[in-house]
N, C-alpha and C. Protein backbone atom coordinates (compact mmCIF):
# COMPACT_ATOMS: atom_id res chain seq x y z
N MET A 1 117.61 12.90 114.92
CA MET A 1 116.45 12.91 115.78
C MET A 1 116.56 14.10 116.73
N ARG A 2 115.45 14.77 116.90
CA ARG A 2 115.41 15.91 117.80
C ARG A 2 114.80 15.48 119.14
N LEU A 3 115.49 15.80 120.22
CA LEU A 3 114.99 15.50 121.56
C LEU A 3 114.53 16.78 122.22
N THR A 4 113.41 16.71 122.87
CA THR A 4 112.88 17.85 123.59
C THR A 4 112.87 17.52 125.07
N GLU A 5 113.52 18.35 125.86
CA GLU A 5 113.54 18.13 127.30
C GLU A 5 112.18 18.49 127.89
N ILE A 6 111.70 17.61 128.75
CA ILE A 6 110.42 17.85 129.41
C ILE A 6 110.67 18.69 130.65
N THR A 7 109.87 19.73 130.81
CA THR A 7 109.95 20.54 132.02
C THR A 7 108.59 20.51 132.71
N TYR A 8 108.64 20.59 134.01
CA TYR A 8 107.41 20.51 134.80
C TYR A 8 107.12 21.80 135.56
N ASP A 9 107.94 22.82 135.37
CA ASP A 9 107.80 24.07 136.11
C ASP A 9 107.77 23.76 137.62
N ASN A 10 106.72 24.12 138.31
CA ASN A 10 106.63 23.86 139.75
C ASN A 10 105.83 22.60 140.08
N ALA A 11 105.47 21.82 139.08
CA ALA A 11 104.66 20.63 139.29
C ALA A 11 105.48 19.50 139.92
N GLN A 12 104.80 18.47 140.38
CA GLN A 12 105.39 17.34 141.10
C GLN A 12 105.50 16.11 140.20
N PRO A 13 106.62 15.91 139.48
CA PRO A 13 106.76 14.70 138.66
C PRO A 13 107.15 13.50 139.53
N ILE A 14 106.83 12.32 139.02
CA ILE A 14 107.27 11.09 139.67
C ILE A 14 108.63 10.76 139.07
N ASP A 15 109.68 10.92 139.88
CA ASP A 15 111.05 10.73 139.39
C ASP A 15 111.40 9.27 139.22
N SER A 16 111.02 8.44 140.19
CA SER A 16 111.35 7.03 140.14
C SER A 16 110.54 6.28 141.21
N TYR A 17 110.70 4.97 141.21
CA TYR A 17 110.03 4.13 142.21
C TYR A 17 110.86 2.87 142.38
N GLY A 18 110.61 2.19 143.47
CA GLY A 18 111.29 0.93 143.75
C GLY A 18 110.48 0.17 144.76
N PRO A 19 111.02 -0.92 145.26
CA PRO A 19 110.27 -1.75 146.20
C PRO A 19 109.80 -0.95 147.42
N GLY A 20 108.52 -0.64 147.47
CA GLY A 20 107.93 0.01 148.62
C GLY A 20 108.04 1.52 148.67
N PHE A 21 108.60 2.17 147.63
CA PHE A 21 108.75 3.64 147.70
C PHE A 21 108.54 4.29 146.34
N PHE A 22 108.33 5.61 146.39
CA PHE A 22 108.26 6.46 145.20
C PHE A 22 109.12 7.68 145.48
N ARG A 23 109.82 8.18 144.46
CA ARG A 23 110.56 9.44 144.56
C ARG A 23 109.80 10.45 143.71
N ILE A 24 109.28 11.47 144.38
CA ILE A 24 108.43 12.46 143.73
C ILE A 24 109.04 13.83 143.95
N ALA A 25 109.38 14.49 142.86
CA ALA A 25 110.01 15.82 142.90
C ALA A 25 111.20 15.82 143.87
N GLY A 26 111.97 14.73 143.84
CA GLY A 26 113.17 14.63 144.66
C GLY A 26 112.96 14.13 146.07
N LYS A 27 111.73 13.94 146.49
CA LYS A 27 111.42 13.51 147.86
C LYS A 27 110.98 12.04 147.85
N VAL A 28 111.54 11.23 148.74
CA VAL A 28 111.19 9.81 148.82
C VAL A 28 110.02 9.62 149.78
N LEU A 29 109.00 8.94 149.30
CA LEU A 29 107.82 8.60 150.11
C LEU A 29 107.67 7.09 150.14
N GLN A 30 107.46 6.54 151.31
CA GLN A 30 107.28 5.11 151.48
C GLN A 30 105.80 4.74 151.37
N GLY A 31 105.53 3.56 150.83
CA GLY A 31 104.16 3.06 150.77
C GLY A 31 103.32 3.69 149.68
N ALA A 32 102.01 3.57 149.82
CA ALA A 32 101.06 4.12 148.84
C ALA A 32 101.08 5.65 148.89
N VAL A 33 100.96 6.28 147.71
CA VAL A 33 101.02 7.74 147.62
C VAL A 33 99.91 8.28 146.73
N LEU A 34 99.55 9.52 146.98
CA LEU A 34 98.66 10.27 146.10
C LEU A 34 99.46 11.46 145.61
N VAL A 35 99.57 11.58 144.29
CA VAL A 35 100.39 12.62 143.68
C VAL A 35 99.51 13.52 142.82
N THR A 36 99.61 14.82 143.06
CA THR A 36 98.92 15.81 142.25
C THR A 36 99.99 16.75 141.69
N PRO A 37 99.64 17.58 140.74
CA PRO A 37 100.63 18.52 140.23
C PRO A 37 101.20 19.46 141.29
N TRP A 38 100.46 19.68 142.38
CA TRP A 38 100.88 20.65 143.40
C TRP A 38 101.35 20.02 144.71
N ASP A 39 101.17 18.69 144.88
CA ASP A 39 101.53 18.07 146.15
C ASP A 39 101.67 16.57 145.99
N ALA A 40 102.33 15.95 146.94
CA ALA A 40 102.43 14.49 146.99
C ALA A 40 102.50 14.09 148.45
N GLY A 41 101.82 13.02 148.79
CA GLY A 41 101.84 12.56 150.17
C GLY A 41 101.30 11.15 150.29
N PRO A 42 101.25 10.65 151.52
CA PRO A 42 100.77 9.30 151.73
C PRO A 42 99.30 9.16 151.37
N TRP A 43 98.94 7.95 150.97
CA TRP A 43 97.56 7.63 150.64
C TRP A 43 97.23 6.34 151.37
N GLY A 44 96.04 6.22 151.90
CA GLY A 44 95.64 5.05 152.67
C GLY A 44 95.27 3.83 151.86
N GLY A 45 95.54 3.85 150.57
CA GLY A 45 95.22 2.71 149.71
C GLY A 45 93.76 2.70 149.30
N LEU A 46 93.33 1.58 148.77
CA LEU A 46 91.99 1.48 148.18
C LEU A 46 90.87 1.66 149.19
N GLU A 47 91.17 1.55 150.48
CA GLU A 47 90.16 1.81 151.50
C GLU A 47 89.99 3.30 151.76
N ASP A 48 90.91 4.11 151.27
CA ASP A 48 90.91 5.56 151.49
C ASP A 48 90.30 6.27 150.28
N LEU A 49 89.02 6.47 150.32
CA LEU A 49 88.32 7.18 149.25
C LEU A 49 88.28 8.68 149.52
N GLU A 50 88.37 9.05 150.79
CA GLU A 50 88.28 10.45 151.20
C GLU A 50 89.37 11.31 150.55
N THR A 51 90.59 10.80 150.51
CA THR A 51 91.71 11.60 149.98
C THR A 51 91.52 11.92 148.50
N PRO A 52 91.23 10.95 147.63
CA PRO A 52 91.01 11.34 146.24
C PRO A 52 89.73 12.15 146.03
N LEU A 53 88.70 11.92 146.85
CA LEU A 53 87.48 12.72 146.70
C LEU A 53 87.70 14.18 147.07
N ALA A 54 88.73 14.47 147.84
CA ALA A 54 89.07 15.86 148.17
C ALA A 54 89.53 16.63 146.93
N LEU A 55 89.77 15.91 145.84
CA LEU A 55 90.26 16.54 144.60
C LEU A 55 89.13 16.92 143.64
N ILE A 56 87.88 16.78 144.08
CA ILE A 56 86.74 17.14 143.22
C ILE A 56 86.90 18.59 142.77
N GLY A 57 86.75 18.80 141.47
CA GLY A 57 86.87 20.13 140.89
C GLY A 57 88.30 20.55 140.58
N LYS A 58 89.27 19.79 141.07
CA LYS A 58 90.68 20.13 140.83
C LYS A 58 91.32 19.24 139.77
N ILE A 59 90.79 18.03 139.59
CA ILE A 59 91.33 17.11 138.59
C ILE A 59 90.19 16.54 137.76
N ASP A 60 90.55 16.05 136.58
CA ASP A 60 89.59 15.38 135.71
C ASP A 60 89.75 13.87 135.74
N VAL A 61 91.00 13.41 135.91
CA VAL A 61 91.28 11.98 135.85
C VAL A 61 92.23 11.59 136.98
N LEU A 62 91.96 10.44 137.59
CA LEU A 62 92.84 9.85 138.59
C LEU A 62 93.38 8.54 138.02
N PHE A 63 94.71 8.46 137.91
CA PHE A 63 95.35 7.21 137.50
C PHE A 63 95.60 6.39 138.76
N VAL A 64 95.08 5.18 138.79
CA VAL A 64 95.25 4.31 139.95
C VAL A 64 96.25 3.23 139.58
N GLY A 65 97.40 3.25 140.25
CA GLY A 65 98.43 2.24 140.04
C GLY A 65 98.26 1.14 141.07
N MET A 66 98.07 -0.09 140.60
CA MET A 66 97.75 -1.22 141.46
C MET A 66 98.98 -2.02 141.90
N GLY A 67 100.16 -1.43 141.86
CA GLY A 67 101.38 -2.17 142.22
C GLY A 67 101.99 -2.79 140.98
N ASP A 68 102.52 -4.00 141.13
CA ASP A 68 103.20 -4.67 140.02
C ASP A 68 102.27 -5.07 138.88
N GLU A 69 101.07 -5.48 139.22
CA GLU A 69 100.13 -6.02 138.24
C GLU A 69 98.87 -5.19 138.19
N ILE A 70 98.25 -5.16 137.03
CA ILE A 70 96.96 -4.50 136.92
C ILE A 70 95.90 -5.38 137.59
N ALA A 71 94.99 -4.77 138.27
CA ALA A 71 93.90 -5.47 138.95
C ALA A 71 92.71 -4.51 139.00
N HIS A 72 91.56 -5.03 139.30
CA HIS A 72 90.37 -4.19 139.42
C HIS A 72 90.38 -3.45 140.76
N VAL A 73 89.90 -2.22 140.73
CA VAL A 73 89.67 -1.50 141.99
C VAL A 73 88.31 -1.93 142.51
N PRO A 74 88.06 -1.79 143.79
CA PRO A 74 86.72 -2.10 144.31
C PRO A 74 85.66 -1.25 143.58
N LEU A 75 84.55 -1.87 143.28
CA LEU A 75 83.50 -1.20 142.51
C LEU A 75 83.04 0.09 143.18
N GLY A 76 82.89 0.09 144.50
CA GLY A 76 82.46 1.29 145.21
C GLY A 76 83.45 2.43 145.07
N PHE A 77 84.73 2.12 145.08
CA PHE A 77 85.79 3.12 144.90
C PHE A 77 85.62 3.78 143.53
N TYR A 78 85.52 2.95 142.50
CA TYR A 78 85.37 3.42 141.13
C TYR A 78 84.09 4.26 140.97
N GLN A 79 82.96 3.71 141.42
CA GLN A 79 81.68 4.38 141.24
C GLN A 79 81.61 5.72 141.98
N SER A 80 82.20 5.78 143.17
CA SER A 80 82.17 7.04 143.94
C SER A 80 82.94 8.14 143.23
N LEU A 81 84.11 7.81 142.70
CA LEU A 81 84.90 8.82 142.00
C LEU A 81 84.23 9.24 140.69
N GLU A 82 83.74 8.28 139.94
CA GLU A 82 83.06 8.60 138.68
C GLU A 82 81.83 9.48 138.94
N ALA A 83 81.05 9.16 139.98
CA ALA A 83 79.86 9.94 140.31
C ALA A 83 80.24 11.37 140.71
N ALA A 84 81.44 11.54 141.24
CA ALA A 84 81.92 12.87 141.65
C ALA A 84 82.55 13.63 140.49
N GLY A 85 82.57 13.03 139.31
CA GLY A 85 83.13 13.72 138.14
C GLY A 85 84.61 13.50 137.94
N ILE A 86 85.19 12.52 138.61
CA ILE A 86 86.60 12.20 138.43
C ILE A 86 86.70 10.88 137.68
N GLY A 87 87.28 10.93 136.48
CA GLY A 87 87.49 9.72 135.72
C GLY A 87 88.55 8.86 136.39
N VAL A 88 88.42 7.55 136.27
CA VAL A 88 89.36 6.62 136.91
C VAL A 88 89.97 5.73 135.83
N GLU A 89 91.30 5.73 135.77
CA GLU A 89 92.03 4.86 134.85
C GLU A 89 92.91 3.95 135.69
N VAL A 90 92.69 2.65 135.59
CA VAL A 90 93.42 1.68 136.41
C VAL A 90 94.47 0.98 135.56
N MET A 91 95.68 0.88 136.11
CA MET A 91 96.80 0.20 135.44
C MET A 91 97.80 -0.21 136.50
N ASN A 92 98.90 -0.83 136.12
CA ASN A 92 99.91 -1.11 137.13
C ASN A 92 100.62 0.20 137.49
N SER A 93 101.32 0.22 138.60
CA SER A 93 101.92 1.47 139.08
C SER A 93 102.99 2.04 138.15
N PRO A 94 103.88 1.21 137.54
CA PRO A 94 104.83 1.79 136.60
C PRO A 94 104.16 2.51 135.43
N ALA A 95 103.12 1.91 134.85
CA ALA A 95 102.41 2.55 133.74
C ALA A 95 101.68 3.81 134.21
N ALA A 96 101.10 3.76 135.41
CA ALA A 96 100.40 4.94 135.94
C ALA A 96 101.37 6.09 136.16
N ALA A 97 102.56 5.79 136.66
CA ALA A 97 103.57 6.84 136.89
C ALA A 97 104.01 7.47 135.57
N ARG A 98 104.26 6.65 134.55
CA ARG A 98 104.66 7.18 133.24
C ARG A 98 103.55 8.03 132.63
N THR A 99 102.33 7.52 132.68
CA THR A 99 101.20 8.25 132.09
C THR A 99 100.97 9.57 132.81
N TYR A 100 101.04 9.53 134.13
CA TYR A 100 100.91 10.76 134.92
C TYR A 100 101.94 11.80 134.46
N ASN A 101 103.21 11.39 134.34
CA ASN A 101 104.26 12.35 133.97
C ASN A 101 104.04 12.94 132.58
N VAL A 102 103.63 12.12 131.63
CA VAL A 102 103.39 12.63 130.27
C VAL A 102 102.28 13.67 130.29
N LEU A 103 101.17 13.35 130.94
CA LEU A 103 100.05 14.29 130.96
C LEU A 103 100.35 15.50 131.85
N LEU A 104 101.16 15.31 132.88
CA LEU A 104 101.60 16.44 133.71
C LEU A 104 102.38 17.44 132.86
N SER A 105 103.25 16.94 131.98
CA SER A 105 104.05 17.83 131.13
C SER A 105 103.17 18.61 130.15
N GLU A 106 101.96 18.10 129.91
CA GLU A 106 101.01 18.79 129.03
C GLU A 106 100.10 19.73 129.79
N GLY A 107 100.27 19.80 131.12
CA GLY A 107 99.46 20.70 131.92
C GLY A 107 98.06 20.20 132.20
N ARG A 108 97.83 18.92 132.09
CA ARG A 108 96.50 18.35 132.28
C ARG A 108 96.12 18.31 133.76
N ARG A 109 94.83 18.23 134.04
CA ARG A 109 94.28 18.18 135.41
C ARG A 109 94.18 16.73 135.85
N ILE A 110 95.29 16.19 136.34
CA ILE A 110 95.37 14.78 136.67
C ILE A 110 95.99 14.58 138.04
N ALA A 111 95.83 13.34 138.53
CA ALA A 111 96.49 12.93 139.77
C ALA A 111 96.75 11.43 139.65
N ALA A 112 97.61 10.92 140.52
CA ALA A 112 97.91 9.50 140.54
C ALA A 112 97.84 8.98 141.96
N ALA A 113 97.11 7.90 142.14
CA ALA A 113 97.05 7.19 143.42
C ALA A 113 97.76 5.86 143.19
N LEU A 114 98.91 5.69 143.85
CA LEU A 114 99.80 4.58 143.51
C LEU A 114 100.05 3.65 144.68
N LEU A 115 99.84 2.37 144.46
CA LEU A 115 100.27 1.35 145.40
C LEU A 115 101.70 0.97 145.02
N PRO A 116 102.57 0.72 145.98
CA PRO A 116 103.97 0.45 145.66
C PRO A 116 104.16 -0.90 144.97
N VAL A 117 105.25 -0.98 144.21
CA VAL A 117 105.65 -2.26 143.65
C VAL A 117 106.39 -3.04 144.71
N GLY A 118 106.40 -4.34 144.55
CA GLY A 118 107.05 -5.20 145.54
C GLY A 118 108.54 -5.41 145.24
N PRO A 119 109.22 -6.15 146.08
CA PRO A 119 110.65 -6.41 145.88
C PRO A 119 110.89 -7.23 144.63
N ALA A 120 111.92 -6.86 143.86
CA ALA A 120 112.34 -7.55 142.64
C ALA A 120 111.17 -7.81 141.70
N GLY A 121 110.28 -6.83 141.59
CA GLY A 121 109.18 -6.92 140.64
C GLY A 121 108.02 -7.79 141.09
N GLY A 122 108.06 -8.35 142.28
CA GLY A 122 106.96 -9.18 142.76
C GLY A 122 106.43 -8.64 144.07
N GLN A 123 105.16 -8.79 144.29
CA GLN A 123 104.58 -8.23 145.51
C GLN A 123 104.32 -9.26 146.55
């Protein structure tokens, strides 16, 4: 079997996550985060639509990680992003982090808005 090492150049991969935190490009961030190929920082959660809307024209898809379990995002959140031309894919945060990294390695125009997972896999 041939293994190919994934490289991200100067992009911001999601290295790992745990109860209440994410490690992105070697930096630990507590709580909810918004990760783009060029930056990572705090996100105000599902009530914060302004931060992902600032990405209009810079990304095509936003992966929304809902913590431990998949859940629906508020309809207004979804509709506002879709109307702005940003596709929204909702999943649990571990799946969103993995999907973000795979598409990041392909150079895609993506971002991830992630709610943290809870202690011992429960929130």
